[in-house]
N, C-alpha and C. Protein backbone atom coordinates (compact mmCIF):
# COMPACT_ATOMS: atom_id res chain seq x y z
N MET A 1 -21.61 16.32 5.32
CA MET A 1 -20.96 16.55 3.93
C MET A 1 -20.56 15.20 3.36
N ALA A 2 -21.01 14.89 2.05
CA ALA A 2 -20.68 13.71 1.53
C ALA A 2 -19.15 13.65 0.87
N TYR A 3 -18.84 12.54 0.42
CA TYR A 3 -17.42 12.42 -0.13
C TYR A 3 -17.77 12.51 -1.74
N ALA A 4 -16.56 12.81 -2.59
CA ALA A 4 -16.69 12.68 -3.86
C ALA A 4 -15.36 11.87 -4.46
N ILE A 5 -15.52 11.28 -5.43
CA ILE A 5 -14.51 10.54 -6.24
C ILE A 5 -13.92 11.39 -7.38
N ASN A 6 -12.50 11.82 -7.53
CA ASN A 6 -12.02 12.42 -8.62
C ASN A 6 -11.34 11.55 -9.54
N ASP A 7 -10.91 12.12 -10.61
CA ASP A 7 -10.43 11.62 -11.91
C ASP A 7 -9.16 10.52 -11.50
N SER A 8 -8.67 10.56 -10.29
CA SER A 8 -7.52 9.86 -10.06
C SER A 8 -8.04 8.30 -9.87
N CYS A 9 -9.34 8.07 -9.79
CA CYS A 9 -9.96 6.88 -9.45
C CYS A 9 -9.55 5.81 -10.60
N ILE A 10 -9.11 4.46 -10.34
CA ILE A 10 -8.77 3.47 -11.39
C ILE A 10 -9.90 2.56 -11.65
N SER A 11 -10.92 2.71 -10.89
CA SER A 11 -12.06 1.76 -10.95
C SER A 11 -11.68 0.56 -10.43
N CYS A 12 -11.13 0.46 -9.37
CA CYS A 12 -10.67 -0.90 -8.67
C CYS A 12 -11.90 -1.58 -7.85
N GLY A 13 -12.79 -0.73 -7.27
CA GLY A 13 -14.01 -1.07 -6.67
C GLY A 13 -13.75 -1.32 -5.08
N ALA A 14 -12.60 -0.89 -4.69
CA ALA A 14 -12.22 -1.15 -3.19
C ALA A 14 -13.16 -0.24 -2.49
N CYS A 15 -13.63 0.86 -2.82
CA CYS A 15 -14.38 2.02 -2.10
C CYS A 15 -15.81 1.31 -2.04
N ALA A 16 -16.24 0.67 -3.12
CA ALA A 16 -17.70 0.30 -3.30
C ALA A 16 -17.73 -0.92 -2.19
N ASP A 17 -16.83 -1.68 -2.24
CA ASP A 17 -16.79 -2.98 -1.26
C ASP A 17 -16.75 -2.36 0.12
N ALA A 18 -16.12 -1.20 0.50
CA ALA A 18 -15.92 -0.86 1.78
C ALA A 18 -17.08 -0.01 2.34
N CYS A 19 -17.97 0.53 1.44
CA CYS A 19 -18.99 1.37 1.69
C CYS A 19 -20.22 0.69 2.49
N PRO A 20 -20.47 0.84 3.86
CA PRO A 20 -21.49 0.21 4.48
C PRO A 20 -22.94 0.53 3.91
N ALA A 21 -22.94 1.75 3.31
CA ALA A 21 -24.33 2.40 2.81
C ALA A 21 -24.61 1.88 1.54
N GLY A 22 -23.81 1.51 0.91
CA GLY A 22 -23.97 0.95 -0.50
C GLY A 22 -24.24 2.25 -1.46
N ALA A 23 -23.42 3.13 -1.12
CA ALA A 23 -23.49 4.58 -1.81
C ALA A 23 -22.67 4.88 -3.03
N ILE A 24 -21.87 3.73 -3.29
CA ILE A 24 -20.83 3.97 -4.45
C ILE A 24 -21.17 2.86 -5.50
N SER A 25 -21.31 3.45 -6.66
CA SER A 25 -21.44 2.59 -7.78
C SER A 25 -20.54 3.06 -9.05
N GLN A 26 -20.54 2.06 -10.15
CA GLN A 26 -19.74 2.45 -11.26
C GLN A 26 -20.34 3.29 -12.07
N GLY A 27 -19.64 4.50 -12.39
CA GLY A 27 -20.17 5.47 -13.40
C GLY A 27 -19.73 5.37 -14.74
N ASP A 28 -19.77 6.40 -15.52
CA ASP A 28 -19.36 6.34 -16.79
C ASP A 28 -17.84 6.24 -16.96
N ALA A 29 -17.24 7.25 -16.24
CA ALA A 29 -15.71 7.40 -16.25
C ALA A 29 -15.01 6.71 -15.03
N HIS A 30 -15.57 6.69 -13.87
CA HIS A 30 -14.95 6.14 -12.68
C HIS A 30 -16.22 5.78 -11.81
N PHE A 31 -15.99 5.22 -10.59
CA PHE A 31 -16.85 5.07 -9.55
C PHE A 31 -17.31 6.44 -8.99
N GLU A 32 -18.73 6.42 -8.66
CA GLU A 32 -19.48 7.68 -8.20
C GLU A 32 -19.99 7.34 -6.74
N ILE A 33 -20.10 8.37 -6.05
CA ILE A 33 -20.71 8.40 -4.74
C ILE A 33 -21.99 9.06 -4.73
N ASN A 34 -23.16 8.28 -4.22
CA ASN A 34 -24.46 9.12 -4.31
C ASN A 34 -24.47 9.89 -3.01
N PRO A 35 -24.51 11.15 -3.15
CA PRO A 35 -24.40 12.00 -1.75
C PRO A 35 -25.75 11.90 -1.02
N ASP A 36 -26.77 11.56 -1.42
CA ASP A 36 -27.98 11.27 -0.69
C ASP A 36 -27.76 10.13 0.25
N THR A 37 -27.07 8.95 -0.14
CA THR A 37 -26.96 7.92 0.69
C THR A 37 -25.76 7.77 1.38
N CYS A 38 -24.80 8.63 1.16
CA CYS A 38 -23.36 8.62 1.82
C CYS A 38 -23.73 8.97 3.20
N MET A 39 -22.96 8.16 4.18
CA MET A 39 -23.24 8.36 5.64
C MET A 39 -22.15 9.12 6.12
N ASP A 40 -21.18 9.81 5.50
CA ASP A 40 -19.92 10.47 5.85
C ASP A 40 -18.94 9.67 6.78
N CYS A 41 -19.05 8.33 6.54
CA CYS A 41 -18.15 7.55 7.59
C CYS A 41 -16.61 7.45 7.37
N GLY A 42 -16.32 7.80 6.01
CA GLY A 42 -14.82 7.82 5.58
C GLY A 42 -14.37 6.69 5.27
N ALA A 43 -15.22 5.32 5.26
CA ALA A 43 -14.54 4.12 4.85
C ALA A 43 -14.04 3.98 3.63
N CYS A 44 -14.55 4.78 2.65
CA CYS A 44 -14.23 4.65 1.37
C CYS A 44 -12.74 5.38 1.09
N CYS A 45 -12.51 6.34 1.81
CA CYS A 45 -11.30 7.16 1.84
C CYS A 45 -10.31 6.22 2.25
N ASP A 46 -10.56 5.41 3.23
CA ASP A 46 -9.45 4.54 3.87
C ASP A 46 -9.12 3.41 3.04
N SER A 47 -10.02 2.93 2.18
CA SER A 47 -9.90 1.78 1.29
C SER A 47 -9.20 2.16 -0.10
N CYS A 48 -9.23 3.45 -0.42
CA CYS A 48 -8.80 3.84 -1.74
C CYS A 48 -7.37 3.91 -1.94
N PRO A 49 -6.78 2.87 -2.97
CA PRO A 49 -5.34 2.86 -3.06
C PRO A 49 -4.76 4.06 -3.77
N ASN A 50 -5.64 4.92 -4.23
CA ASN A 50 -5.04 5.90 -5.13
C ASN A 50 -5.35 7.50 -4.53
N ASP A 51 -6.01 7.54 -3.39
CA ASP A 51 -6.44 8.73 -2.81
C ASP A 51 -7.03 9.72 -3.72
N ALA A 52 -8.13 8.98 -4.26
CA ALA A 52 -9.10 9.61 -5.25
C ALA A 52 -10.31 10.10 -4.45
N ILE A 53 -10.45 9.82 -3.34
CA ILE A 53 -11.65 10.25 -2.60
C ILE A 53 -11.50 11.41 -1.54
N HIS A 54 -12.28 12.40 -1.66
CA HIS A 54 -12.09 13.51 -0.68
C HIS A 54 -13.48 13.96 -0.36
N PRO A 55 -13.56 14.73 0.75
CA PRO A 55 -14.93 15.35 1.16
C PRO A 55 -15.34 16.22 -0.03
N ALA A 56 -16.63 16.10 -0.21
CA ALA A 56 -17.10 17.00 -1.30
C ALA A 56 -17.16 18.40 -0.88
N ASP A 57 -17.12 19.44 -1.80
CA ASP A 57 -17.21 20.89 -1.38
C ASP A 57 -18.78 21.27 -1.38
């Protein structure tokens, strides 16, 4: 199960810096996670200061 970033994202980039797979990039409204690249490691969740990242449904 991949992770997803919700609208609480403030586009700080901490998650992208923490992602070992390079699965996170800036989207139109906020950062987005590519589910095909995500390794489910959770590093992005731990790095997010706004608790904007959760397991995708």
